[in-house]
């Protein structure tokens, strides 16, 4: 699902809201998550998951084409850990299949 599909689905579930207002709300939520992560904060959405950042140290990589060693700068990358409710819902079919076997 892409952002425009998400906006369309939310707007369809809430016919009293204009689609442009729903789009502004979705953009505001996503922008706030990005802003919090850029400040180094953690964002937790109960039942959904938690966004955080992790630091990757500088290292020596390898160019796969030439085999040459290449320095790779350290960087900060986003990290997402699913919440318990999401894990349960995603694995519900596996749990039901295991119970019937």
PDB file of N, CA and C in Angstrom:
ATOM      1  N   UNK A   1       0.849  -1.172   0.000  1.00  0.00           N
ATOM      2  CA  UNK A   1       0.000   0.000   0.000  1.00  0.00           C
ATOM      3  C   UNK A   1       0.895   1.236   0.000  1.00  0.00           C
ATOM      4  N   UNK A   2       0.546   2.187  -0.847  1.00  0.00           N
ATOM      5  CA  UNK A   2       1.294   3.439  -0.888  1.00  0.00           C
ATOM      6  C   UNK A   2       0.475   4.522  -0.180  1.00  0.00           C
ATOM      7  N   UNK A   3       1.115   5.661   0.069  1.00  0.00           N
ATOM      8  CA  UNK A   3       0.481   6.707   0.863  1.00  0.00           C
ATOM      9  C   UNK A   3      -0.847   7.165   0.269  1.00  0.00           C
ATOM     10  N   UNK A   4      -0.921   7.316  -1.045  1.00  0.00           N
ATOM     11  CA  UNK A   4      -2.174   7.774  -1.660  1.00  0.00           C
ATOM     12  C   UNK A   4      -3.294   6.749  -1.461  1.00  0.00           C
ATOM     13  N   UNK A   5      -2.954   5.448  -1.467  1.00  0.00           N
ATOM     14  CA  UNK A   5      -3.958   4.418  -1.199  1.00  0.00           C
ATOM     15  C   UNK A   5      -4.425   4.477   0.248  1.00  0.00           C
ATOM     16  N   UNK A   6      -3.498   4.729   1.163  1.00  0.00           N
ATOM     17  CA  UNK A   6      -3.850   4.873   2.568  1.00  0.00           C
ATOM     18  C   UNK A   6      -4.796   6.053   2.767  1.00  0.00           C
ATOM     19  N   UNK A   7      -4.469   7.184   2.155  1.00  0.00           N
ATOM     20  CA  UNK A   7      -5.316   8.371   2.252  1.00  0.00           C
ATOM     21  C   UNK A   7      -6.703   8.059   1.690  1.00  0.00           C
ATOM     22  N   UNK A   8      -6.760   7.414   0.543  1.00  0.00           N
ATOM     23  CA  UNK A   8      -8.039   7.069  -0.066  1.00  0.00           C
ATOM     24  C   UNK A   8      -8.868   6.144   0.802  1.00  0.00           C
ATOM     25  N   UNK A   9      -8.222   5.175   1.429  1.00  0.00           N
ATOM     26  CA  UNK A   9      -8.935   4.230   2.290  1.00  0.00           C
ATOM     27  C   UNK A   9      -9.483   4.925   3.527  1.00  0.00           C
ATOM     28  N   UNK A  10      -8.675   5.784   4.149  1.00  0.00           N
ATOM     29  CA  UNK A  10      -9.133   6.516   5.336  1.00  0.00           C
ATOM     30  C   UNK A  10     -10.268   7.459   4.959  1.00  0.00           C
ATOM     31  N   UNK A  11     -10.133   8.149   3.825  1.00  0.00           N
ATOM     32  CA  UNK A  11     -11.191   9.060   3.371  1.00  0.00           C
ATOM     33  C   UNK A  11     -12.475   8.287   3.090  1.00  0.00           C
ATOM     34  N   UNK A  12     -12.362   7.086   2.532  1.00  0.00           N
ATOM     35  CA  UNK A  12     -13.535   6.261   2.269  1.00  0.00           C
ATOM     36  C   UNK A  12     -14.227   5.801   3.537  1.00  0.00           C
ATOM     37  N   UNK A  13     -13.435   5.568   4.588  1.00  0.00           N
ATOM     38  CA  UNK A  13     -13.996   5.144   5.877  1.00  0.00           C
ATOM     39  C   UNK A  13     -14.610   6.314   6.641  1.00  0.00           C
ATOM     40  N   UNK A  14     -14.256   7.532   6.242  1.00  0.00           N
ATOM     41  CA  UNK A  14     -14.739   8.744   6.916  1.00  0.00           C
ATOM     42  C   UNK A  14     -15.297   9.712   5.879  1.00  0.00           C
ATOM     43  N   UNK A  15     -16.493   9.435   5.342  1.00  0.00           N
ATOM     44  CA  UNK A  15     -17.026  10.265   4.262  1.00  0.00           C
ATOM     45  C   UNK A  15     -17.305  11.716   4.668  1.00  0.00           C
ATOM     46  N   UNK A  16     -17.336  11.994   5.966  1.00  0.00           N
ATOM     47  CA  UNK A  16     -17.563  13.360   6.425  1.00  0.00           C
ATOM     48  C   UNK A  16     -16.305  14.226   6.333  1.00  0.00           C
ATOM     49  N   UNK A  17     -15.156  13.613   6.007  1.00  0.00           N
ATOM     50  CA  UNK A  17     -13.908  14.358   5.864  1.00  0.00           C
ATOM     51  C   UNK A  17     -13.548  14.492   4.395  1.00  0.00           C
ATOM     52  N   UNK A  18     -12.989  15.636   4.042  1.00  0.00           N
ATOM     53  CA  UNK A  18     -12.491  15.827   2.683  1.00  0.00           C
ATOM     54  C   UNK A  18     -11.185  15.058   2.519  1.00  0.00           C
ATOM     55  N   UNK A  19     -10.962  14.555   1.305  1.00  0.00           N
ATOM     56  CA  UNK A  19      -9.738  13.781   1.055  1.00  0.00           C
ATOM     57  C   UNK A  19      -8.497  14.637   1.284  1.00  0.00           C
ATOM     58  N   UNK A  20      -8.526  15.904   0.927  1.00  0.00           N
ATOM     59  CA  UNK A  20      -7.348  16.763   1.132  1.00  0.00           C
ATOM     60  C   UNK A  20      -7.057  16.949   2.618  1.00  0.00           C
ATOM     61  N   UNK A  21      -8.122  16.953   3.463  1.00  0.00           N
ATOM     62  CA  UNK A  21      -7.896  17.057   4.910  1.00  0.00           C
ATOM     63  C   UNK A  21      -7.262  15.777   5.449  1.00  0.00           C
ATOM     64  N   UNK A  22      -7.724  14.633   4.962  1.00  0.00           N
ATOM     65  CA  UNK A  22      -7.138  13.357   5.373  1.00  0.00           C
ATOM     66  C   UNK A  22      -5.674  13.307   4.941  1.00  0.00           C
ATOM     67  N   UNK A  23      -5.396  13.773   3.728  1.00  0.00           N
ATOM     68  CA  UNK A  23      -4.015  13.787   3.240  1.00  0.00           C
ATOM     69  C   UNK A  23      -3.141  14.678   4.117  1.00  0.00           C
ATOM     70  N   UNK A  24      -3.665  15.835   4.544  1.00  0.00           N
ATOM     71  CA  UNK A  24      -2.915  16.724   5.433  1.00  0.00           C
ATOM     72  C   UNK A  24      -2.649  16.062   6.777  1.00  0.00           C
ATOM     73  N   UNK A  25      -3.628  15.317   7.292  1.00  0.00           N
ATOM     74  CA  UNK A  25      -3.466  14.634   8.571  1.00  0.00           C
ATOM     75  C   UNK A  25      -2.399  13.551   8.456  1.00  0.00           C
ATOM     76  N   UNK A  26      -2.477  12.725   7.413  1.00  0.00           N
ATOM     77  CA  UNK A  26      -1.487  11.652   7.218  1.00  0.00           C
ATOM     78  C   UNK A  26      -0.090  12.248   7.064  1.00  0.00           C
ATOM     79  N   UNK A  27       0.032  13.314   6.270  1.00  0.00           N
ATOM     80  CA  UNK A  27       1.333  13.964   6.093  1.00  0.00           C
ATOM     81  C   UNK A  27       1.853  14.527   7.408  1.00  0.00           C
ATOM     82  N   UNK A  28       0.966  15.112   8.215  1.00  0.00           N
ATOM     83  CA  UNK A  28       1.383  15.679   9.503  1.00  0.00           C
ATOM     84  C   UNK A  28       1.902  14.582  10.432  1.00  0.00           C
ATOM     85  N   UNK A  29       1.222  13.449  10.458  1.00  0.00           N
ATOM     86  CA  UNK A  29       1.662  12.338  11.309  1.00  0.00           C
ATOM     87  C   UNK A  29       3.027  11.830  10.860  1.00  0.00           C
ATOM     88  N   UNK A  30       3.169  11.583   9.567  1.00  0.00           N
ATOM     89  CA  UNK A  30       4.444  11.068   9.057  1.00  0.00           C
ATOM     90  C   UNK A  30       5.571  12.079   9.242  1.00  0.00           C
ATOM     91  N   UNK A  31       5.282  13.363   9.020  1.00  0.00           N
ATOM     92  CA  UNK A  31       6.304  14.401   9.217  1.00  0.00           C
ATOM     93  C   UNK A  31       6.749  14.463  10.673  1.00  0.00           C
ATOM     94  N   UNK A  32       5.802  14.316  11.596  1.00  0.00           N
ATOM     95  CA  UNK A  32       6.155  14.365  13.013  1.00  0.00           C
ATOM     96  C   UNK A  32       7.001  13.166  13.413  1.00  0.00           C
ATOM     97  N   UNK A  33       6.722  11.998  12.846  1.00  0.00           N
ATOM     98  CA  UNK A  33       7.552  10.814  13.116  1.00  0.00           C
ATOM     99  C   UNK A  33       8.967  11.049  12.613  1.00  0.00           C
ATOM    100  N   UNK A  34       9.092  11.585  11.400  1.00  0.00           N
ATOM    101  CA  UNK A  34      10.418  11.862  10.830  1.00  0.00           C
ATOM    102  C   UNK A  34      11.156  12.912  11.659  1.00  0.00           C
ATOM    103  N   UNK A  35      10.448  13.973  12.069  1.00  0.00           N
ATOM    104  CA  UNK A  35      11.078  15.016  12.885  1.00  0.00           C
ATOM    105  C   UNK A  35      11.575  14.455  14.213  1.00  0.00           C
ATOM    106  N   UNK A  36      10.763  13.615  14.853  1.00  0.00           N
ATOM    107  CA  UNK A  36      11.167  13.027  16.131  1.00  0.00           C
ATOM    108  C   UNK A  36      12.393  12.144  15.952  1.00  0.00           C
ATOM    109  N   UNK A  37      12.413  11.339  14.889  1.00  0.00           N
ATOM    110  CA  UNK A  37      13.573  10.471  14.650  1.00  0.00           C
ATOM    111  C   UNK A  37      14.821  11.296  14.351  1.00  0.00           C
ATOM    112  N   UNK A  38      14.657  12.403  13.620  1.00  0.00           N
ATOM    113  CA  UNK A  38      15.824  13.230  13.301  1.00  0.00           C
ATOM    114  C   UNK A  38      16.394  13.902  14.553  1.00  0.00           C
ATOM    115  N   UNK A  39      15.553  14.074  15.580  1.00  0.00           N
ATOM    116  CA  UNK A  39      16.034  14.609  16.861  1.00  0.00           C
ATOM    117  C   UNK A  39      16.647  13.510  17.728  1.00  0.00           C
ATOM    118  N   UNK A  40      16.531  12.254  17.277  1.00  0.00           N
ATOM    119  CA  UNK A  40      17.060  11.138  18.047  1.00  0.00           C
ATOM    120  C   UNK A  40      16.042  10.548  19.006  1.00  0.00           C
ATOM    121  N   UNK A  41      14.788  11.006  18.936  1.00  0.00           N
ATOM    122  CA  UNK A  41      13.740  10.496  19.808  1.00  0.00           C
ATOM    123  C   UNK A  41      13.219   9.158  19.296  1.00  0.00           C
ATOM    124  N   UNK A  42      12.513   8.470  20.154  1.00  0.00           N
ATOM    125  CA  UNK A  42      11.868   7.200  19.819  1.00  0.00           C
ATOM    126  C   UNK A  42      10.377   7.477  19.693  1.00  0.00           C
ATOM    127  N   UNK A  43       9.724   6.869  18.703  1.00  0.00           N
ATOM    128  CA  UNK A  43       8.283   7.045  18.497  1.00  0.00           C
ATOM    129  C   UNK A  43       7.618   5.696  18.683  1.00  0.00           C
ATOM    130  N   UNK A  44       6.721   5.612  19.672  1.00  0.00           N
ATOM    131  CA  UNK A  44       6.035   4.353  19.948  1.00  0.00           C
ATOM    132  C   UNK A  44       4.547   4.523  19.697  1.00  0.00           C
ATOM    133  N   UNK A  45       4.001   3.660  18.852  1.00  0.00           N
ATOM    134  CA  UNK A  45       2.570   3.631  18.573  1.00  0.00           C
ATOM    135  C   UNK A  45       2.059   2.306  19.117  1.00  0.00           C
ATOM    136  N   UNK A  46       1.398   2.341  20.259  1.00  0.00           N
ATOM    137  CA  UNK A  46       0.963   1.121  20.950  1.00  0.00           C
ATOM    138  C   UNK A  46       0.171   0.211  20.024  1.00  0.00           C
ATOM    139  N   UNK A  47       0.485  -1.067  20.027  1.00  0.00           N
ATOM    140  CA  UNK A  47      -0.186  -2.046  19.200  1.00  0.00           C
ATOM    141  C   UNK A  47       0.362  -2.117  17.781  1.00  0.00           C
ATOM    142  N   UNK A  48       1.040  -1.065  17.342  1.00  0.00           N
ATOM    143  CA  UNK A  48       1.586  -1.024  15.982  1.00  0.00           C
ATOM    144  C   UNK A  48       3.075  -1.320  16.004  1.00  0.00           C
ATOM    145  N   UNK A  49       3.833  -0.490  16.742  1.00  0.00           N
ATOM    146  CA  UNK A  49       5.271  -0.699  16.811  1.00  0.00           C
ATOM    147  C   UNK A  49       5.998   0.543  17.261  1.00  0.00           C
ATOM    148  N   UNK A  50       7.308   0.461  17.236  1.00  0.00           N
ATOM    149  CA  UNK A  50       8.145   1.567  17.691  1.00  0.00           C
ATOM    150  C   UNK A  50       9.211   1.871  16.639  1.00  0.00           C
ATOM    151  N   UNK A  51       9.365   3.153  16.361  1.00  0.00           N
ATOM    152  CA  UNK A  51      10.396   3.633  15.454  1.00  0.00           C
ATOM    153  C   UNK A  51      11.534   4.188  16.300  1.00  0.00           C
ATOM    154  N   UNK A  52      12.755   3.890  15.919  1.00  0.00           N
ATOM    155  CA  UNK A  52      13.925   4.450  16.593  1.00  0.00           C
ATOM    156  C   UNK A  52      15.043   4.571  15.566  1.00  0.00           C
ATOM    157  N   UNK A  53      16.158   5.122  16.004  1.00  0.00           N
ATOM    158  CA  UNK A  53      17.312   5.224  15.112  1.00  0.00           C
ATOM    159  C   UNK A  53      18.466   4.434  15.714  1.00  0.00           C
ATOM    160  N   UNK A  54      19.279   3.866  14.852  1.00  0.00           N
ATOM    161  CA  UNK A  54      20.469   3.135  15.277  1.00  0.00           C
ATOM    162  C   UNK A  54      21.667   3.700  14.540  1.00  0.00           C
ATOM    163  N   UNK A  55      22.783   3.758  15.236  1.00  0.00           N
ATOM    164  CA  UNK A  55      24.021   4.241  14.632  1.00  0.00           C
ATOM    165  C   UNK A  55      24.811   3.078  14.068  1.00  0.00           C
ATOM    166  N   UNK A  56      25.248   3.235  12.861  1.00  0.00           N
ATOM    167  CA  UNK A  56      26.134   2.245  12.236  1.00  0.00           C
ATOM    168  C   UNK A  56      27.531   2.863  12.164  1.00  0.00           C
ATOM    169  N   UNK A  57      28.513   2.193  12.722  1.00  0.00           N
ATOM    170  CA  UNK A  57      29.866   2.773  12.714  1.00  0.00           C
ATOM    171  C   UNK A  57      30.490   2.734  11.319  1.00  0.00           C
ATOM    172  N   UNK A  58      31.507   3.547  11.154  1.00  0.00           N
ATOM    173  CA  UNK A  58      32.259   3.525   9.894  1.00  0.00           C
ATOM    174  C   UNK A  58      32.935   2.162   9.756  1.00  0.00           C
ATOM    175  N   UNK A  59      33.116   1.724   8.514  1.00  0.00           N
ATOM    176  CA  UNK A  59      33.707   0.411   8.285  1.00  0.00           C
ATOM    177  C   UNK A  59      34.405   0.407   6.936  1.00  0.00           C
ATOM    178  N   UNK A  60      35.070  -0.674   6.656  1.00  0.00           N
ATOM    179  CA  UNK A  60      35.705  -0.849   5.355  1.00  0.00           C
ATOM    180  C   UNK A  60      34.844  -1.832   4.575  1.00  0.00           C
ATOM    181  N   UNK A  61      34.297  -1.376   3.452  1.00  0.00           N
ATOM    182  CA  UNK A  61      33.481  -2.221   2.606  1.00  0.00           C
ATOM    183  C   UNK A  61      34.297  -2.743   1.437  1.00  0.00           C
ATOM    184  N   UNK A  62      33.602  -3.401   0.518  1.00  0.00           N
ATOM    185  CA  UNK A  62      34.280  -3.963  -0.639  1.00  0.00           C
ATOM    186  C   UNK A  62      33.425  -3.712  -1.864  1.00  0.00           C
ATOM    187  N   UNK A  63      34.051  -3.200  -2.906  1.00  0.00           N
ATOM    188  CA  UNK A  63      33.356  -3.009  -4.173  1.00  0.00           C
ATOM    189  C   UNK A  63      33.151  -4.399  -4.780  1.00  0.00           C
ATOM    190  N   UNK A  64      31.887  -4.832  -4.972  1.00  0.00           N
ATOM    191  CA  UNK A  64      31.656  -6.195  -5.463  1.00  0.00           C
ATOM    192  C   UNK A  64      32.162  -6.424  -6.884  1.00  0.00           C
ATOM    193  N   UNK A  65      32.253  -5.375  -7.673  1.00  0.00           N
ATOM    194  CA  UNK A  65      32.698  -5.539  -9.060  1.00  0.00           C
ATOM    195  C   UNK A  65      34.210  -5.721  -9.152  1.00  0.00           C
ATOM    196  N   UNK A  66      34.959  -4.895  -8.390  1.00  0.00           N
ATOM    197  CA  UNK A  66      36.413  -4.928  -8.505  1.00  0.00           C
ATOM    198  C   UNK A  66      37.100  -5.647  -7.339  1.00  0.00           C
ATOM    199  N   UNK A  67      36.380  -5.828  -6.233  1.00  0.00           N
ATOM    200  CA  UNK A  67      36.992  -6.423  -5.049  1.00  0.00           C
ATOM    201  C   UNK A  67      37.806  -5.430  -4.243  1.00  0.00           C
ATOM    202  N   UNK A  68      37.875  -4.190  -4.701  1.00  0.00           N
ATOM    203  CA  UNK A  68      38.658  -3.148  -4.041  1.00  0.00           C
ATOM    204  C   UNK A  68      38.024  -2.773  -2.700  1.00  0.00           C
ATOM    205  N   UNK A  69      38.861  -2.541  -1.672  1.00  0.00           N
ATOM    206  CA  UNK A  69      38.379  -2.108  -0.366  1.00  0.00           C
ATOM    207  C   UNK A  69      38.019  -0.625  -0.431  1.00  0.00           C
ATOM    208  N   UNK A  70      36.850  -0.284   0.144  1.00  0.00           N
ATOM    209  CA  UNK A  70      36.339   1.085   0.076  1.00  0.00           C
ATOM    210  C   UNK A  70      35.895   1.510   1.473  1.00  0.00           C
ATOM    211  N   UNK A  71      36.298   2.708   1.927  1.00  0.00           N
ATOM    212  CA  UNK A  71      35.824   3.163   3.236  1.00  0.00           C
ATOM    213  C   UNK A  71      34.343   3.560   3.156  1.00  0.00           C
ATOM    214  N   UNK A  72      33.579   3.129   4.154  1.00  0.00           N
ATOM    215  CA  UNK A  72      32.153   3.472   4.231  1.00  0.00           C
ATOM    216  C   UNK A  72      31.969   4.290   5.495  1.00  0.00           C
ATOM    217  N   UNK A  73      31.405   5.490   5.344  1.00  0.00           N
ATOM    218  CA  UNK A  73      31.197   6.385   6.484  1.00  0.00           C
ATOM    219  C   UNK A  73      30.160   5.809   7.443  1.00  0.00           C
ATOM    220  N   UNK A  74      30.262   6.202   8.701  1.00  0.00           N
ATOM    221  CA  UNK A  74      29.251   5.853   9.681  1.00  0.00           C
ATOM    222  C   UNK A  74      27.957   6.576   9.348  1.00  0.00           C
ATOM    223  N   UNK A  75      26.841   6.046   9.794  1.00  0.00           N
ATOM    224  CA  UNK A  75      25.560   6.673   9.495  1.00  0.00           C
ATOM    225  C   UNK A  75      24.536   6.272  10.533  1.00  0.00           C
ATOM    226  N   UNK A  76      23.436   6.992  10.521  1.00  0.00           N
ATOM    227  CA  UNK A  76      22.306   6.708  11.385  1.00  0.00           C
ATOM    228  C   UNK A  76      21.183   6.195  10.503  1.00  0.00           C
ATOM    229  N   UNK A  77      20.575   5.063  10.887  1.00  0.00           N
ATOM    230  CA  UNK A  77      19.527   4.458  10.072  1.00  0.00           C
ATOM    231  C   UNK A  77      18.264   4.279  10.906  1.00  0.00           C
ATOM    232  N   UNK A  78      17.092   4.381  10.264  1.00  0.00           N
ATOM    233  CA  UNK A  78      15.849   4.157  11.006  1.00  0.00           C
ATOM    234  C   UNK A  78      15.663   2.670  11.288  1.00  0.00           C
ATOM    235  N   UNK A  79      14.989   2.378  12.390  1.00  0.00           N
ATOM    236  CA  UNK A  79      14.737   1.004  12.795  1.00  0.00           C
ATOM    237  C   UNK A  79      13.296   0.910  13.267  1.00  0.00           C
ATOM    238  N   UNK A  80      12.592  -0.148  12.882  1.00  0.00           N
ATOM    239  CA  UNK A  80      11.204  -0.344  13.287  1.00  0.00           C
ATOM    240  C   UNK A  80      11.056  -1.700  13.943  1.00  0.00           C
ATOM    241  N   UNK A  81      10.444  -1.719  15.097  1.00  0.00           N
ATOM    242  CA  UNK A  81      10.166  -2.976  15.787  1.00  0.00           C
ATOM    243  C   UNK A  81       8.658  -3.084  15.944  1.00  0.00           C
ATOM    244  N   UNK A  82       8.085  -4.188  15.462  1.00  0.00           N
ATOM    245  CA  UNK A  82       6.637  -4.347  15.519  1.00  0.00           C
ATOM    246  C   UNK A  82       6.160  -4.501  16.953  1.00  0.00           C
ATOM    247  N   UNK A  83       4.928  -4.052  17.178  1.00  0.00           N
ATOM    248  CA  UNK A  83       4.293  -4.215  18.476  1.00  0.00           C
ATOM    249  C   UNK A  83       3.701  -5.603  18.608  1.00  0.00           C
ATOM    250  N   UNK A  84       3.363  -5.979  19.838  1.00  0.00           N
ATOM    251  CA  UNK A  84       2.850  -7.315  20.102  1.00  0.00           C
ATOM    252  C   UNK A  84       1.552  -7.569  19.348  1.00  0.00           C
ATOM    253  N   UNK A  85       0.644  -6.599  19.353  1.00  0.00           N
ATOM    254  CA  UNK A  85      -0.644  -6.782  18.679  1.00  0.00           C
ATOM    255  C   UNK A  85      -0.460  -7.048  17.183  1.00  0.00           C
ATOM    256  N   UNK A  86       0.464  -6.328  16.558  1.00  0.00           N
ATOM    257  CA  UNK A  86       0.708  -6.547  15.127  1.00  0.00           C
ATOM    258  C   UNK A  86       1.289  -7.938  14.886  1.00  0.00           C
ATOM    259  N   UNK A  87       2.245  -8.342  15.711  1.00  0.00           N
ATOM    260  CA  UNK A  87       2.837  -9.680  15.549  1.00  0.00           C
ATOM    261  C   UNK A  87       1.773 -10.761  15.697  1.00  0.00           C
ATOM    262  N   UNK A  88       0.871 -10.596  16.662  1.00  0.00           N
ATOM    263  CA  UNK A  88      -0.189 -11.585  16.867  1.00  0.00           C
ATOM    264  C   UNK A  88      -1.102 -11.644  15.650  1.00  0.00           C
ATOM    265  N   UNK A  89      -1.498 -10.476  15.127  1.00  0.00           N
ATOM    266  CA  UNK A  89      -2.390 -10.449  13.966  1.00  0.00           C
ATOM    267  C   UNK A  89      -1.720 -11.003  12.722  1.00  0.00           C
ATOM    268  N   UNK A  90      -0.432 -10.738  12.544  1.00  0.00           N
ATOM    269  CA  UNK A  90       0.278 -11.240  11.378  1.00  0.00           C
ATOM    270  C   UNK A  90       0.480 -12.748  11.435  1.00  0.00           C
ATOM    271  N   UNK A  91       0.587 -13.304  12.635  1.00  0.00           N
ATOM    272  CA  UNK A  91       0.859 -14.723  12.790  1.00  0.00           C
ATOM    273  C   UNK A  91      -0.378 -15.519  13.187  1.00  0.00           C
ATOM    274  N   UNK A  92      -1.549 -14.899  13.116  1.00  0.00           N
ATOM    275  CA  UNK A  92      -2.780 -15.568  13.524  1.00  0.00           C
ATOM    276  C   UNK A  92      -3.017 -16.830  12.704  1.00  0.00           C
ATOM    277  N   UNK A  93      -2.822 -16.769  11.387  1.00  0.00           N
ATOM    278  CA  UNK A  93      -3.024 -17.935  10.533  1.00  0.00           C
ATOM    279  C   UNK A  93      -2.064 -19.059  10.888  1.00  0.00           C
ATOM    280  N   UNK A  94      -0.814 -18.721  11.218  1.00  0.00           N
ATOM    281  CA  UNK A  94       0.169 -19.738  11.593  1.00  0.00           C
ATOM    282  C   UNK A  94      -0.231 -20.419  12.890  1.00  0.00           C
ATOM    283  N   UNK A  95      -0.759 -19.640  13.838  1.00  0.00           N
ATOM    284  CA  UNK A  95      -1.167 -20.210  15.124  1.00  0.00           C
ATOM    285  C   UNK A  95      -2.367 -21.136  14.947  1.00  0.00           C
ATOM    286  N   UNK A  96      -3.318 -20.738  14.096  1.00  0.00           N
ATOM    287  CA  UNK A  96      -4.500 -21.555  13.854  1.00  0.00           C
ATOM    288  C   UNK A  96      -4.122 -22.841  13.108  1.00  0.00           C
ATOM    289  N   UNK A  97      -3.185 -22.760  12.162  1.00  0.00           N
ATOM    290  CA  UNK A  97      -2.755 -23.939  11.419  1.00  0.00           C
ATOM    291  C   UNK A  97      -2.025 -24.915  12.336  1.00  0.00           C
ATOM    292  N   UNK A  98      -1.232 -24.377  13.254  1.00  0.00           N
ATOM    293  CA  UNK A  98      -0.498 -25.229  14.186  1.00  0.00           C
ATOM    294  C   UNK A  98      -1.421 -25.914  15.175  1.00  0.00           C
ATOM    295  N   UNK A  99      -2.517 -25.263  15.551  1.00  0.00           N
ATOM    296  CA  UNK A  99      -3.457 -25.851  16.502  1.00  0.00           C
ATOM    297  C   UNK A  99      -4.255 -26.979  15.871  1.00  0.00           C
ATOM    298  N   UNK A 100      -4.515 -26.898  14.555  1.00  0.00           N
ATOM    299  CA  UNK A 100      -5.314 -27.923  13.887  1.00  0.00           C
ATOM    300  C   UNK A 100      -4.466 -29.107  13.436  1.00  0.00           C
ATOM    301  N   UNK A 101      -3.160 -28.973  13.436  1.00  0.00           N
ATOM    302  CA  UNK A 101      -2.303 -30.056  12.944  1.00  0.00           C
ATOM    303  C   UNK A 101      -2.083 -31.123  13.975  1.00  0.00           C
TER     304      UNK A 101
END
